Amino acid sequence: MSTVLTNFGTWKEFLSDRVQQAKSMGLNEDTIANLAFEIGSFLDERVDPKNEEQRTLKELWDAGDEFERKALAGLMVKLVQKS
């Protein structure tokens, strides 16, 4: 997964593929957003940002409360769905 994390475009493609996979498995938007929140929490705790976009996302994540972090995770899902 480390190569996925080094390039933001590659990360968005990876996340887009996972969102599509979740949808094909029948998961609804809320469940997908909750999973994105869990992934965001994991990345925040265990992965150092590899590029400027990730550093910005981490700063936003760290500045937010749980509600705002869930909103950010949901926005990331929407972002990759539109790409």
N, C-alpha and C. Protein backbone atom coordinates (compact mmCIF):
# COMPACT_ATOMS: atom_id res chain seq x y z
N MET A 1 0.81 -1.19 0.00
CA MET A 1 0.00 0.00 0.00
C MET A 1 0.86 1.26 0.00
N SER A 2 2.13 1.15 0.33
CA SER A 2 2.97 2.34 0.44
C SER A 2 3.06 3.10 -0.88
N THR A 3 3.08 2.41 -2.03
CA THR A 3 3.11 3.11 -3.30
C THR A 3 1.81 3.85 -3.56
N VAL A 4 0.72 3.32 -3.04
CA VAL A 4 -0.58 3.99 -3.18
C VAL A 4 -0.55 5.32 -2.44
N LEU A 5 0.14 5.37 -1.32
CA LEU A 5 0.14 6.56 -0.48
C LEU A 5 1.12 7.63 -0.93
N THR A 6 2.05 7.32 -1.80
CA THR A 6 3.06 8.32 -2.16
C THR A 6 2.54 9.34 -3.17
N ASN A 7 1.55 9.00 -3.96
CA ASN A 7 1.01 9.90 -4.97
C ASN A 7 -0.47 10.10 -4.70
N PHE A 8 -0.90 11.36 -4.57
CA PHE A 8 -2.29 11.64 -4.21
C PHE A 8 -3.26 11.17 -5.29
N GLY A 9 -2.89 11.31 -6.55
CA GLY A 9 -3.75 10.83 -7.63
C GLY A 9 -3.95 9.33 -7.57
N THR A 10 -2.87 8.60 -7.26
CA THR A 10 -2.97 7.15 -7.12
C THR A 10 -3.83 6.79 -5.93
N TRP A 11 -3.70 7.55 -4.84
CA TRP A 11 -4.53 7.31 -3.65
C TRP A 11 -6.01 7.51 -3.98
N LYS A 12 -6.33 8.57 -4.73
CA LYS A 12 -7.73 8.81 -5.09
C LYS A 12 -8.27 7.68 -5.98
N GLU A 13 -7.45 7.20 -6.90
CA GLU A 13 -7.88 6.07 -7.75
C GLU A 13 -8.12 4.83 -6.91
N PHE A 14 -7.22 4.57 -5.97
CA PHE A 14 -7.35 3.41 -5.08
C PHE A 14 -8.64 3.53 -4.27
N LEU A 15 -8.88 4.70 -3.69
CA LEU A 15 -10.08 4.91 -2.88
C LEU A 15 -11.33 4.80 -3.75
N SER A 16 -11.28 5.34 -4.95
CA SER A 16 -12.41 5.24 -5.87
C SER A 16 -12.74 3.78 -6.17
N ASP A 17 -11.71 2.98 -6.43
CA ASP A 17 -11.92 1.56 -6.70
C ASP A 17 -12.56 0.86 -5.50
N ARG A 18 -12.12 1.20 -4.28
CA ARG A 18 -12.68 0.58 -3.08
C ARG A 18 -14.12 1.00 -2.85
N VAL A 19 -14.43 2.26 -3.16
CA VAL A 19 -15.82 2.74 -3.02
C VAL A 19 -16.71 2.00 -4.00
N GLN A 20 -16.27 1.86 -5.24
CA GLN A 20 -17.05 1.13 -6.23
C GLN A 20 -17.24 -0.32 -5.83
N GLN A 21 -16.20 -0.92 -5.28
CA GLN A 21 -16.28 -2.30 -4.80
C GLN A 21 -17.30 -2.41 -3.68
N ALA A 22 -17.29 -1.48 -2.74
CA ALA A 22 -18.25 -1.49 -1.63
C ALA A 22 -19.67 -1.34 -2.15
N LYS A 23 -19.87 -0.46 -3.13
CA LYS A 23 -21.21 -0.29 -3.70
C LYS A 23 -21.69 -1.57 -4.38
N SER A 24 -20.77 -2.24 -5.09
CA SER A 24 -21.16 -3.47 -5.78
C SER A 24 -21.49 -4.59 -4.79
N MET A 25 -20.99 -4.45 -3.57
CA MET A 25 -21.30 -5.42 -2.52
C MET A 25 -22.60 -5.07 -1.80
N GLY A 26 -23.21 -3.95 -2.20
CA GLY A 26 -24.48 -3.56 -1.63
C GLY A 26 -24.42 -2.63 -0.43
N LEU A 27 -23.22 -2.11 -0.13
CA LEU A 27 -23.11 -1.19 1.00
C LEU A 27 -23.71 0.16 0.63
N ASN A 28 -24.43 0.77 1.58
CA ASN A 28 -25.04 2.08 1.30
C ASN A 28 -24.05 3.21 1.59
N GLU A 29 -24.45 4.42 1.21
CA GLU A 29 -23.57 5.60 1.33
C GLU A 29 -23.12 5.84 2.78
N ASP A 30 -24.02 5.69 3.72
CA ASP A 30 -23.66 5.91 5.13
C ASP A 30 -22.61 4.91 5.60
N THR A 31 -22.78 3.66 5.23
CA THR A 31 -21.81 2.64 5.61
C THR A 31 -20.45 2.92 4.98
N ILE A 32 -20.45 3.33 3.73
CA ILE A 32 -19.20 3.65 3.04
C ILE A 32 -18.53 4.84 3.71
N ALA A 33 -19.30 5.87 4.06
CA ALA A 33 -18.75 7.04 4.74
C ALA A 33 -18.17 6.66 6.10
N ASN A 34 -18.85 5.77 6.82
CA ASN A 34 -18.33 5.31 8.12
C ASN A 34 -17.03 4.53 7.95
N LEU A 35 -16.95 3.72 6.91
CA LEU A 35 -15.70 3.00 6.63
C LEU A 35 -14.59 3.98 6.27
N ALA A 36 -14.92 5.02 5.51
CA ALA A 36 -13.92 6.04 5.17
C ALA A 36 -13.42 6.74 6.43
N PHE A 37 -14.31 6.98 7.38
CA PHE A 37 -13.92 7.59 8.65
C PHE A 37 -12.95 6.67 9.40
N GLU A 38 -13.24 5.38 9.43
CA GLU A 38 -12.36 4.41 10.10
C GLU A 38 -10.99 4.37 9.42
N ILE A 39 -10.97 4.39 8.11
CA ILE A 39 -9.70 4.40 7.37
C ILE A 39 -8.94 5.68 7.67
N GLY A 40 -9.65 6.81 7.69
CA GLY A 40 -9.01 8.08 8.02
C GLY A 40 -8.40 8.06 9.41
N SER A 41 -9.11 7.48 10.36
CA SER A 41 -8.58 7.37 11.73
C SER A 41 -7.32 6.51 11.77
N PHE A 42 -7.37 5.41 11.05
CA PHE A 42 -6.19 4.52 10.99
C PHE A 42 -5.00 5.26 10.38
N LEU A 43 -5.22 5.92 9.24
CA LEU A 43 -4.13 6.63 8.58
C LEU A 43 -3.58 7.74 9.46
N ASP A 44 -4.46 8.45 10.16
CA ASP A 44 -4.03 9.54 11.05
C ASP A 44 -3.11 9.03 12.15
N GLU A 45 -3.44 7.88 12.69
CA GLU A 45 -2.67 7.33 13.81
C GLU A 45 -1.38 6.63 13.39
N ARG A 46 -1.35 6.07 12.17
CA ARG A 46 -0.24 5.15 11.84
C ARG A 46 0.56 5.47 10.60
N VAL A 47 0.15 6.45 9.83
CA VAL A 47 0.83 6.71 8.57
C VAL A 47 1.25 8.17 8.51
N ASP A 48 2.53 8.40 8.24
CA ASP A 48 3.02 9.76 8.07
C ASP A 48 2.63 10.27 6.68
N PRO A 49 2.20 11.52 6.58
CA PRO A 49 1.85 12.07 5.27
C PRO A 49 3.04 11.98 4.31
N LYS A 50 2.76 11.59 3.07
CA LYS A 50 3.82 11.40 2.08
C LYS A 50 3.89 12.53 1.07
N ASN A 51 2.90 13.41 1.06
CA ASN A 51 2.89 14.51 0.11
C ASN A 51 2.11 15.68 0.69
N GLU A 52 2.11 16.78 -0.04
CA GLU A 52 1.48 18.01 0.47
C GLU A 52 -0.02 17.85 0.68
N GLU A 53 -0.69 17.15 -0.23
CA GLU A 53 -2.13 16.94 -0.08
C GLU A 53 -2.45 16.16 1.19
N GLN A 54 -1.66 15.12 1.45
CA GLN A 54 -1.88 14.33 2.66
C GLN A 54 -1.60 15.14 3.92
N ARG A 55 -0.58 16.00 3.86
CA ARG A 55 -0.29 16.85 5.03
C ARG A 55 -1.46 17.79 5.29
N THR A 56 -2.03 18.33 4.23
CA THR A 56 -3.18 19.23 4.38
C THR A 56 -4.37 18.48 4.97
N LEU A 57 -4.65 17.29 4.43
CA LEU A 57 -5.75 16.48 4.98
C LEU A 57 -5.52 16.14 6.44
N LYS A 58 -4.28 15.81 6.81
CA LYS A 58 -3.98 15.49 8.20
C LYS A 58 -4.19 16.71 9.10
N GLU A 59 -3.78 17.88 8.63
CA GLU A 59 -4.00 19.10 9.43
C GLU A 59 -5.49 19.36 9.62
N LEU A 60 -6.27 19.18 8.56
CA LEU A 60 -7.72 19.35 8.69
C LEU A 60 -8.31 18.31 9.64
N TRP A 61 -7.87 17.06 9.50
CA TRP A 61 -8.34 15.97 10.36
C TRP A 61 -8.02 16.28 11.82
N ASP A 62 -6.80 16.69 12.08
CA ASP A 62 -6.38 16.98 13.45
C ASP A 62 -7.10 18.19 14.04
N ALA A 63 -7.49 19.14 13.20
CA ALA A 63 -8.18 20.34 13.68
C ALA A 63 -9.64 20.06 14.00
N GLY A 64 -10.20 19.02 13.39
CA GLY A 64 -11.63 18.76 13.53
C GLY A 64 -11.99 17.88 14.70
N ASP A 65 -13.25 17.97 15.10
CA ASP A 65 -13.80 17.04 16.08
C ASP A 65 -14.34 15.82 15.32
N GLU A 66 -14.95 14.88 16.01
CA GLU A 66 -15.41 13.66 15.37
C GLU A 66 -16.43 13.95 14.26
N PHE A 67 -17.35 14.86 14.51
CA PHE A 67 -18.35 15.22 13.52
C PHE A 67 -17.69 15.78 12.26
N GLU A 68 -16.73 16.67 12.43
CA GLU A 68 -16.04 17.28 11.29
C GLU A 68 -15.17 16.26 10.56
N ARG A 69 -14.58 15.34 11.30
CA ARG A 69 -13.78 14.28 10.66
C ARG A 69 -14.67 13.38 9.82
N LYS A 70 -15.86 13.07 10.32
CA LYS A 70 -16.80 12.26 9.53
C LYS A 70 -17.21 13.00 8.27
N ALA A 71 -17.40 14.31 8.39
CA ALA A 71 -17.73 15.12 7.22
C ALA A 71 -16.59 15.09 6.21
N LEU A 72 -15.37 15.22 6.68
CA LEU A 72 -14.20 15.18 5.80
C LEU A 72 -14.09 13.83 5.10
N ALA A 73 -14.32 12.75 5.84
CA ALA A 73 -14.28 11.41 5.24
C ALA A 73 -15.37 11.29 4.17
N GLY A 74 -16.55 11.80 4.46
CA GLY A 74 -17.64 11.77 3.48
C GLY A 74 -17.32 12.57 2.25
N LEU A 75 -16.66 13.71 2.44
CA LEU A 75 -16.25 14.53 1.30
C LEU A 75 -15.21 13.82 0.44
N MET A 76 -14.30 13.09 1.07
CA MET A 76 -13.32 12.33 0.29
C MET A 76 -14.01 11.28 -0.57
N VAL A 77 -15.03 10.63 -0.01
CA VAL A 77 -15.78 9.64 -0.78
C VAL A 77 -16.46 10.32 -1.96
N LYS A 78 -17.10 11.47 -1.72
CA LYS A 78 -17.75 12.20 -2.81
C LYS A 78 -16.74 12.64 -3.86
N LEU A 79 -15.58 13.09 -3.42
CA LEU A 79 -14.53 13.54 -4.33
C LEU A 79 -14.15 12.43 -5.30
N VAL A 80 -13.91 11.24 -4.79
CA VAL A 80 -13.47 10.15 -5.67
C VAL A 80 -14.60 9.60 -6.51
N GLN A 81 -15.83 9.78 -6.07
CA GLN A 81 -16.97 9.32 -6.89
C GLN A 81 -17.15 10.23 -8.11
N LYS A 82 -16.78 11.49 -7.98
CA LYS A 82 -16.93 12.43 -9.10
C LYS A 82 -15.76 12.36 -10.07
N SER A 83 -14.67 11.74 -9.66
CA SER A 83 -13.48 11.68 -10.51
C SER A 83 -13.65 10.64 -11.59
